Amino acid sequence: MIGYIGAAFVLGIAAIGSAIGIGAAGNAAIGAWKRCYMNNKPAPFILTVFAGAPLTQTIYGFLLMQQLRDKLVAGTIEPAAALILGIFSGIAMAASAIAQGKAGAAASDALGETGKGFSQYIMVVGLCETVALFAMVFSFLF
């Protein structure tokens, strides 16, 4: 049973990080839209990209959860290893989502203010995403 708890942890912890990251970026997007409306400027819909970016870490957590479950059923991973892998991979994904939310918040503020720089901002948001991708892929190899 302990291995299945690890599989559940990876999804749960990653989802918590996604929620925190989405909250940070979403709040900033709403604030940027408010400033646009107050200044009679068009509100850039593209800010939803920054607000929604941390959601993908939940998907990565789900994919790894399924992989761990399959390995437990097949007996190719020790339950204790699945628990440890689930916890630490989930933490890595959560940290990535939180950092991505903070970067998305700053990007929303900057883009809402200037209307410029989307390409540069999305690159930074993507760098934060890479941590979660690496955590997932490297965990698949275990």
N, C-alpha and C. Protein backbone atom coordinates (compact mmCIF):
# COMPACT_ATOMS: atom_id res chain seq x y z
N MET A 1 0.81 -1.19 0.00
CA MET A 1 0.00 0.00 0.00
C MET A 1 0.86 1.27 0.00
N ILE A 2 2.03 1.19 0.59
CA ILE A 2 2.89 2.37 0.72
C ILE A 2 3.30 2.92 -0.65
N GLY A 3 3.50 2.05 -1.61
CA GLY A 3 3.86 2.50 -2.95
C GLY A 3 2.73 3.27 -3.61
N TYR A 4 1.50 2.83 -3.38
CA TYR A 4 0.36 3.54 -3.95
C TYR A 4 0.16 4.91 -3.31
N ILE A 5 0.55 5.01 -2.07
CA ILE A 5 0.52 6.33 -1.40
C ILE A 5 1.50 7.27 -2.10
N GLY A 6 2.67 6.76 -2.46
CA GLY A 6 3.64 7.56 -3.21
C GLY A 6 3.10 8.00 -4.56
N ALA A 7 2.38 7.10 -5.22
CA ALA A 7 1.78 7.45 -6.51
C ALA A 7 0.73 8.55 -6.33
N ALA A 8 -0.03 8.45 -5.25
CA ALA A 8 -1.03 9.49 -4.98
C ALA A 8 -0.36 10.81 -4.61
N PHE A 9 0.72 10.73 -3.86
CA PHE A 9 1.44 11.94 -3.45
C PHE A 9 1.93 12.75 -4.65
N VAL A 10 2.45 12.08 -5.66
CA VAL A 10 3.01 12.82 -6.78
C VAL A 10 1.93 13.68 -7.44
N LEU A 11 0.74 13.14 -7.60
CA LEU A 11 -0.34 13.92 -8.19
C LEU A 11 -0.80 15.01 -7.24
N GLY A 12 -1.01 14.66 -6.00
CA GLY A 12 -1.51 15.64 -5.03
C GLY A 12 -0.57 16.81 -4.81
N ILE A 13 0.69 16.53 -4.64
CA ILE A 13 1.67 17.60 -4.40
C ILE A 13 1.83 18.47 -5.64
N ALA A 14 1.89 17.85 -6.82
CA ALA A 14 2.00 18.63 -8.06
C ALA A 14 0.77 19.52 -8.23
N ALA A 15 -0.41 19.00 -7.92
CA ALA A 15 -1.65 19.78 -8.07
C ALA A 15 -1.69 20.95 -7.09
N ILE A 16 -1.18 20.75 -5.90
CA ILE A 16 -1.12 21.86 -4.93
C ILE A 16 -0.23 22.97 -5.48
N GLY A 17 0.92 22.60 -6.04
CA GLY A 17 1.81 23.59 -6.64
C GLY A 17 1.14 24.31 -7.80
N SER A 18 0.41 23.55 -8.63
CA SER A 18 -0.31 24.17 -9.74
C SER A 18 -1.33 25.19 -9.23
N ALA A 19 -2.06 24.83 -8.20
CA ALA A 19 -3.06 25.74 -7.66
C ALA A 19 -2.44 27.02 -7.13
N ILE A 20 -1.32 26.90 -6.45
CA ILE A 20 -0.63 28.08 -5.92
C ILE A 20 -0.11 28.94 -7.08
N GLY A 21 0.50 28.31 -8.06
CA GLY A 21 1.03 29.04 -9.21
C GLY A 21 -0.05 29.73 -10.02
N ILE A 22 -1.15 29.02 -10.25
CA ILE A 22 -2.27 29.61 -10.99
C ILE A 22 -2.86 30.78 -10.21
N GLY A 23 -2.94 30.63 -8.90
CA GLY A 23 -3.44 31.73 -8.07
C GLY A 23 -2.59 32.98 -8.20
N ALA A 24 -1.29 32.81 -8.16
CA ALA A 24 -0.39 33.97 -8.26
C ALA A 24 -0.48 34.62 -9.63
N ALA A 25 -0.38 33.82 -10.68
CA ALA A 25 -0.41 34.38 -12.03
C ALA A 25 -1.81 34.91 -12.38
N GLY A 26 -2.83 34.21 -11.93
CA GLY A 26 -4.20 34.66 -12.20
C GLY A 26 -4.52 35.98 -11.53
N ASN A 27 -4.10 36.14 -10.30
CA ASN A 27 -4.32 37.41 -9.60
C ASN A 27 -3.64 38.56 -10.33
N ALA A 28 -2.43 38.31 -10.79
CA ALA A 28 -1.70 39.37 -11.51
C ALA A 28 -2.37 39.69 -12.84
N ALA A 29 -2.85 38.67 -13.53
CA ALA A 29 -3.54 38.90 -14.81
C ALA A 29 -4.79 39.75 -14.58
N ILE A 30 -5.53 39.42 -13.56
CA ILE A 30 -6.75 40.19 -13.25
C ILE A 30 -6.39 41.63 -12.92
N GLY A 31 -5.33 41.81 -12.15
CA GLY A 31 -4.88 43.16 -11.82
C GLY A 31 -4.45 43.94 -13.05
N ALA A 32 -3.77 43.26 -13.98
CA ALA A 32 -3.33 43.92 -15.21
C ALA A 32 -4.53 44.31 -16.06
N TRP A 33 -5.52 43.42 -16.14
CA TRP A 33 -6.73 43.75 -16.90
C TRP A 33 -7.45 44.93 -16.28
N LYS A 34 -7.50 44.96 -14.97
CA LYS A 34 -8.16 46.07 -14.28
C LYS A 34 -7.49 47.40 -14.64
N ARG A 35 -6.16 47.41 -14.59
CA ARG A 35 -5.43 48.64 -14.95
C ARG A 35 -5.71 49.04 -16.40
N CYS A 36 -5.79 48.05 -17.29
CA CYS A 36 -6.11 48.35 -18.68
C CYS A 36 -7.49 48.99 -18.79
N TYR A 37 -8.46 48.40 -18.13
CA TYR A 37 -9.82 48.94 -18.18
C TYR A 37 -9.88 50.35 -17.59
N MET A 38 -9.16 50.55 -16.50
CA MET A 38 -9.16 51.87 -15.87
C MET A 38 -8.53 52.94 -16.77
N ASN A 39 -7.59 52.53 -17.60
CA ASN A 39 -6.90 53.45 -18.51
C ASN A 39 -7.49 53.44 -19.91
N ASN A 40 -8.65 52.80 -20.05
CA ASN A 40 -9.32 52.70 -21.35
C ASN A 40 -8.42 52.11 -22.43
N LYS A 41 -7.61 51.12 -22.03
CA LYS A 41 -6.76 50.38 -22.96
C LYS A 41 -7.38 49.00 -23.18
N PRO A 42 -7.13 48.39 -24.32
CA PRO A 42 -7.63 47.02 -24.51
C PRO A 42 -6.93 46.06 -23.54
N ALA A 43 -7.70 45.14 -22.96
CA ALA A 43 -7.14 44.15 -22.03
C ALA A 43 -6.64 42.95 -22.83
N PRO A 44 -5.34 42.67 -22.77
CA PRO A 44 -4.79 41.57 -23.59
C PRO A 44 -5.24 40.19 -23.08
N PHE A 45 -6.00 39.51 -23.92
CA PHE A 45 -6.48 38.16 -23.58
C PHE A 45 -5.32 37.19 -23.40
N ILE A 46 -4.19 37.46 -24.02
CA ILE A 46 -3.03 36.57 -23.99
C ILE A 46 -2.50 36.35 -22.56
N LEU A 47 -2.92 37.18 -21.62
CA LEU A 47 -2.49 36.99 -20.23
C LEU A 47 -3.00 35.67 -19.65
N THR A 48 -4.04 35.12 -20.26
CA THR A 48 -4.53 33.82 -19.78
C THR A 48 -3.48 32.73 -19.97
N VAL A 49 -2.57 32.92 -20.92
CA VAL A 49 -1.48 31.96 -21.11
C VAL A 49 -0.62 31.91 -19.85
N PHE A 50 -0.29 33.06 -19.30
CA PHE A 50 0.52 33.11 -18.09
C PHE A 50 -0.24 32.54 -16.89
N ALA A 51 -1.52 32.86 -16.81
CA ALA A 51 -2.33 32.39 -15.69
C ALA A 51 -2.50 30.88 -15.70
N GLY A 52 -2.63 30.30 -16.88
CA GLY A 52 -2.89 28.86 -16.97
C GLY A 52 -1.66 27.99 -17.07
N ALA A 53 -0.50 28.58 -17.28
CA ALA A 53 0.71 27.79 -17.50
C ALA A 53 1.02 26.79 -16.37
N PRO A 54 0.85 27.14 -15.09
CA PRO A 54 1.19 26.18 -14.04
C PRO A 54 0.30 24.94 -13.98
N LEU A 55 -0.77 24.92 -14.73
CA LEU A 55 -1.67 23.77 -14.71
C LEU A 55 -1.01 22.50 -15.25
N THR A 56 -0.05 22.65 -16.13
CA THR A 56 0.56 21.48 -16.76
C THR A 56 1.28 20.58 -15.76
N GLN A 57 1.74 21.14 -14.66
CA GLN A 57 2.42 20.31 -13.66
C GLN A 57 1.47 19.28 -13.07
N THR A 58 0.18 19.59 -13.01
CA THR A 58 -0.79 18.60 -12.55
C THR A 58 -0.87 17.44 -13.55
N ILE A 59 -0.79 17.76 -14.83
CA ILE A 59 -0.80 16.71 -15.85
C ILE A 59 0.43 15.82 -15.70
N TYR A 60 1.59 16.43 -15.48
CA TYR A 60 2.81 15.65 -15.30
C TYR A 60 2.70 14.76 -14.06
N GLY A 61 2.12 15.28 -13.00
CA GLY A 61 1.91 14.48 -11.80
C GLY A 61 1.00 13.29 -12.07
N PHE A 62 -0.04 13.53 -12.86
CA PHE A 62 -0.96 12.45 -13.22
C PHE A 62 -0.26 11.37 -14.04
N LEU A 63 0.53 11.80 -15.02
CA LEU A 63 1.24 10.83 -15.86
C LEU A 63 2.22 9.99 -15.04
N LEU A 64 2.94 10.64 -14.13
CA LEU A 64 3.88 9.90 -13.29
C LEU A 64 3.14 8.99 -12.31
N MET A 65 2.00 9.45 -11.81
CA MET A 65 1.20 8.61 -10.93
C MET A 65 0.81 7.30 -11.65
N GLN A 66 0.36 7.43 -12.89
CA GLN A 66 0.00 6.23 -13.65
C GLN A 66 1.20 5.32 -13.87
N GLN A 67 2.34 5.92 -14.17
CA GLN A 67 3.57 5.14 -14.39
C GLN A 67 3.96 4.39 -13.12
N LEU A 68 3.91 5.07 -11.98
CA LEU A 68 4.25 4.42 -10.72
C LEU A 68 3.26 3.29 -10.41
N ARG A 69 1.98 3.54 -10.64
CA ARG A 69 0.97 2.51 -10.39
C ARG A 69 1.24 1.28 -11.26
N ASP A 70 1.53 1.51 -12.53
CA ASP A 70 1.81 0.39 -13.43
C ASP A 70 3.05 -0.39 -12.99
N LYS A 71 4.07 0.32 -12.55
CA LYS A 71 5.28 -0.36 -12.09
C LYS A 71 5.03 -1.13 -10.80
N LEU A 72 4.17 -0.61 -9.95
CA LEU A 72 3.83 -1.33 -8.72
C LEU A 72 3.06 -2.60 -9.03
N VAL A 73 2.11 -2.51 -9.95
CA VAL A 73 1.33 -3.68 -10.35
C VAL A 73 2.24 -4.73 -10.97
N ALA A 74 3.18 -4.29 -11.80
CA ALA A 74 4.10 -5.22 -12.47
C ALA A 74 5.20 -5.72 -11.53
N GLY A 75 5.36 -5.08 -10.39
CA GLY A 75 6.40 -5.48 -9.44
C GLY A 75 7.80 -5.05 -9.85
N THR A 76 7.91 -4.03 -10.69
CA THR A 76 9.22 -3.58 -11.16
C THR A 76 9.78 -2.42 -10.35
N ILE A 77 9.07 -2.01 -9.30
CA ILE A 77 9.58 -0.98 -8.41
C ILE A 77 9.21 -1.36 -6.98
N GLU A 78 10.12 -1.10 -6.08
CA GLU A 78 9.86 -1.37 -4.67
C GLU A 78 8.88 -0.32 -4.13
N PRO A 79 7.96 -0.72 -3.28
CA PRO A 79 6.99 0.23 -2.74
C PRO A 79 7.63 1.44 -2.04
N ALA A 80 8.69 1.22 -1.30
CA ALA A 80 9.36 2.33 -0.62
C ALA A 80 9.97 3.30 -1.63
N ALA A 81 10.50 2.76 -2.71
CA ALA A 81 11.07 3.61 -3.77
C ALA A 81 9.97 4.43 -4.44
N ALA A 82 8.82 3.82 -4.65
CA ALA A 82 7.69 4.55 -5.25
C ALA A 82 7.23 5.67 -4.33
N LEU A 83 7.22 5.42 -3.03
CA LEU A 83 6.84 6.46 -2.07
C LEU A 83 7.81 7.63 -2.12
N ILE A 84 9.09 7.35 -2.05
CA ILE A 84 10.10 8.40 -2.07
C ILE A 84 10.10 9.14 -3.41
N LEU A 85 10.02 8.40 -4.49
CA LEU A 85 9.98 9.01 -5.81
C LEU A 85 8.75 9.90 -5.96
N GLY A 86 7.61 9.43 -5.49
CA GLY A 86 6.38 10.21 -5.57
C GLY A 86 6.46 11.51 -4.80
N ILE A 87 6.99 11.44 -3.60
CA ILE A 87 7.08 12.64 -2.77
C ILE A 87 8.02 13.66 -3.39
N PHE A 88 9.22 13.24 -3.72
CA PHE A 88 10.22 14.20 -4.21
C PHE A 88 9.93 14.69 -5.63
N SER A 89 9.38 13.83 -6.47
CA SER A 89 8.99 14.29 -7.81
C SER A 89 7.83 15.27 -7.71
N GLY A 90 6.89 14.99 -6.83
CA GLY A 90 5.78 15.91 -6.61
C GLY A 90 6.23 17.25 -6.10
N ILE A 91 7.19 17.25 -5.19
CA ILE A 91 7.73 18.51 -4.67
C ILE A 91 8.43 19.29 -5.79
N ALA A 92 9.19 18.60 -6.62
CA ALA A 92 9.87 19.28 -7.73
C ALA A 92 8.86 19.89 -8.69
N MET A 93 7.80 19.16 -8.98
CA MET A 93 6.77 19.69 -9.88
C MET A 93 6.03 20.86 -9.25
N ALA A 94 5.76 20.75 -7.96
CA ALA A 94 5.07 21.84 -7.26
C ALA A 94 5.94 23.10 -7.23
N ALA A 95 7.22 22.94 -6.95
CA ALA A 95 8.12 24.09 -6.93
C ALA A 95 8.20 24.74 -8.31
N SER A 96 8.21 23.92 -9.34
CA SER A 96 8.21 24.43 -10.71
C SER A 96 6.94 25.24 -10.99
N ALA A 97 5.80 24.72 -10.57
CA ALA A 97 4.53 25.41 -10.80
C ALA A 97 4.45 26.73 -10.04
N ILE A 98 4.95 26.74 -8.82
CA ILE A 98 4.94 27.97 -8.03
C ILE A 98 5.86 29.01 -8.66
N ALA A 99 7.06 28.60 -9.05
CA ALA A 99 7.98 29.53 -9.71
C ALA A 99 7.39 30.02 -11.02
N GLN A 100 6.74 29.13 -11.74
CA GLN A 100 6.11 29.51 -13.01
C GLN A 100 4.98 30.51 -12.77
N GLY A 101 4.23 30.32 -11.71
CA GLY A 101 3.17 31.27 -11.38
C GLY A 101 3.72 32.65 -11.04
N LYS A 102 4.82 32.67 -10.32
CA LYS A 102 5.45 33.95 -9.98
C LYS A 102 5.99 34.64 -11.23
N ALA A 103 6.62 33.86 -12.11
CA ALA A 103 7.11 34.43 -13.36
C ALA A 103 5.94 34.91 -14.23
N GLY A 104 4.89 34.13 -14.27
CA GLY A 104 3.69 34.51 -15.02
C GLY A 104 3.04 35.77 -14.47
N ALA A 105 3.10 35.92 -13.14
CA ALA A 105 2.55 37.13 -12.51
C ALA A 105 3.34 38.36 -12.95
N ALA A 106 4.66 38.25 -12.90
CA ALA A 106 5.50 39.38 -13.34
C ALA A 106 5.29 39.66 -14.83
N ALA A 107 5.16 38.61 -15.61
CA ALA A 107 4.95 38.77 -17.05
C ALA A 107 3.60 39.44 -17.33
N SER A 108 2.57 39.05 -16.60
CA SER A 108 1.25 39.67 -16.77
C SER A 108 1.30 41.15 -16.45
N ASP A 109 1.98 41.47 -15.37
CA ASP A 109 2.11 42.87 -14.99
C ASP A 109 2.84 43.67 -16.07
N ALA A 110 3.95 43.13 -16.53
CA ALA A 110 4.77 43.84 -17.52
C ALA A 110 4.04 43.96 -18.86
N LEU A 111 3.43 42.88 -19.32
CA LEU A 111 2.74 42.92 -20.60
C LEU A 111 1.49 43.81 -20.53
N GLY A 112 0.79 43.75 -19.43
CA GLY A 112 -0.37 44.60 -19.26
C GLY A 112 -0.02 46.07 -19.26
N GLU A 113 1.14 46.38 -18.72
CA GLU A 113 1.59 47.77 -18.64
C GLU A 113 2.13 48.28 -19.97
N THR A 114 2.94 47.47 -20.62
CA THR A 114 3.66 47.94 -21.82
C THR A 114 3.06 47.45 -23.13
N GLY A 115 2.37 46.29 -23.07
CA GLY A 115 1.88 45.70 -24.30
C GLY A 115 2.97 45.06 -25.13
N LYS A 116 4.15 44.93 -24.57
CA LYS A 116 5.31 44.41 -25.31
C LYS A 116 6.00 43.30 -24.51
N GLY A 117 6.76 42.48 -25.23
CA GLY A 117 7.65 41.52 -24.59
C GLY A 117 7.12 40.12 -24.40
N PHE A 118 5.99 39.78 -25.02
CA PHE A 118 5.41 38.45 -24.79
C PHE A 118 6.42 37.33 -25.04
N SER A 119 7.16 37.41 -26.11
CA SER A 119 8.11 36.34 -26.46
C SER A 119 9.15 36.12 -25.37
N GLN A 120 9.68 37.19 -24.83
CA GLN A 120 10.68 37.07 -23.77
C GLN A 120 10.05 36.51 -22.49
N TYR A 121 8.86 36.98 -22.18
CA TYR A 121 8.21 36.53 -20.95
C TYR A 121 7.85 35.05 -21.01
N ILE A 122 7.36 34.61 -22.16
CA ILE A 122 6.96 33.21 -22.27
C ILE A 122 8.18 32.29 -22.22
N MET A 123 9.34 32.78 -22.64
CA MET A 123 10.57 31.97 -22.53
C MET A 123 10.91 31.71 -21.07
N VAL A 124 10.78 32.72 -20.23
CA VAL A 124 11.08 32.53 -18.81
C VAL A 124 10.07 31.58 -18.18
N VAL A 125 8.80 31.75 -18.52
CA VAL A 125 7.76 30.84 -18.02
C VAL A 125 8.08 29.41 -18.47
N GLY A 126 8.55 29.26 -19.69
CA GLY A 126 8.92 27.95 -20.21
C GLY A 126 10.11 27.34 -19.49
N LEU A 127 11.04 28.17 -19.09
CA LEU A 127 12.19 27.65 -18.33
C LEU A 127 11.73 27.04 -17.00
N CYS A 128 10.79 27.69 -16.37
CA CYS A 128 10.24 27.15 -15.11
C CYS A 128 9.57 25.80 -15.38
N GLU A 129 8.90 25.68 -16.49
CA GLU A 129 8.22 24.45 -16.89
C GLU A 129 9.20 23.30 -17.05
N THR A 130 10.39 23.61 -17.53
CA THR A 130 11.40 22.59 -17.82
C THR A 130 11.76 21.78 -16.59
N VAL A 131 11.77 22.39 -15.44
CA VAL A 131 12.09 21.67 -14.20
C VAL A 131 11.09 20.52 -13.99
N ALA A 132 9.81 20.81 -14.17
CA ALA A 132 8.79 19.78 -13.99
C ALA A 132 8.92 18.68 -15.04
N LEU A 133 9.21 19.07 -16.27
CA LEU A 133 9.40 18.06 -17.32
C LEU A 133 10.57 17.15 -17.01
N PHE A 134 11.67 17.74 -16.57
CA PHE A 134 12.83 16.92 -16.20
C PHE A 134 12.49 15.99 -15.04
N ALA A 135 11.81 16.49 -14.04
CA ALA A 135 11.44 15.65 -12.89
C ALA A 135 10.59 14.47 -13.34
N MET A 136 9.64 14.73 -14.22
CA MET A 136 8.78 13.65 -14.70
C MET A 136 9.57 12.63 -15.53
N VAL A 137 10.31 13.12 -16.52
CA VAL A 137 11.03 12.21 -17.42
C VAL A 137 12.09 11.41 -16.67
N PHE A 138 12.85 12.07 -15.82
CA PHE A 138 13.89 11.35 -15.07
C PHE A 138 13.27 10.34 -14.11
N SER A 139 12.09 10.66 -13.58
CA SER A 139 11.41 9.69 -12.71
C SER A 139 10.90 8.49 -13.49
N PHE A 140 10.51 8.71 -14.74
CA PHE A 140 10.10 7.58 -15.59
C PHE A 140 11.24 6.58 -15.74
N LEU A 141 12.47 7.08 -15.73
CA LEU A 141 13.62 6.21 -15.96
C LEU A 141 13.98 5.37 -14.74
N PHE A 142 13.41 5.67 -13.61
CA PHE A 142 13.75 4.95 -12.37
C PHE A 142 13.22 3.54 -12.40
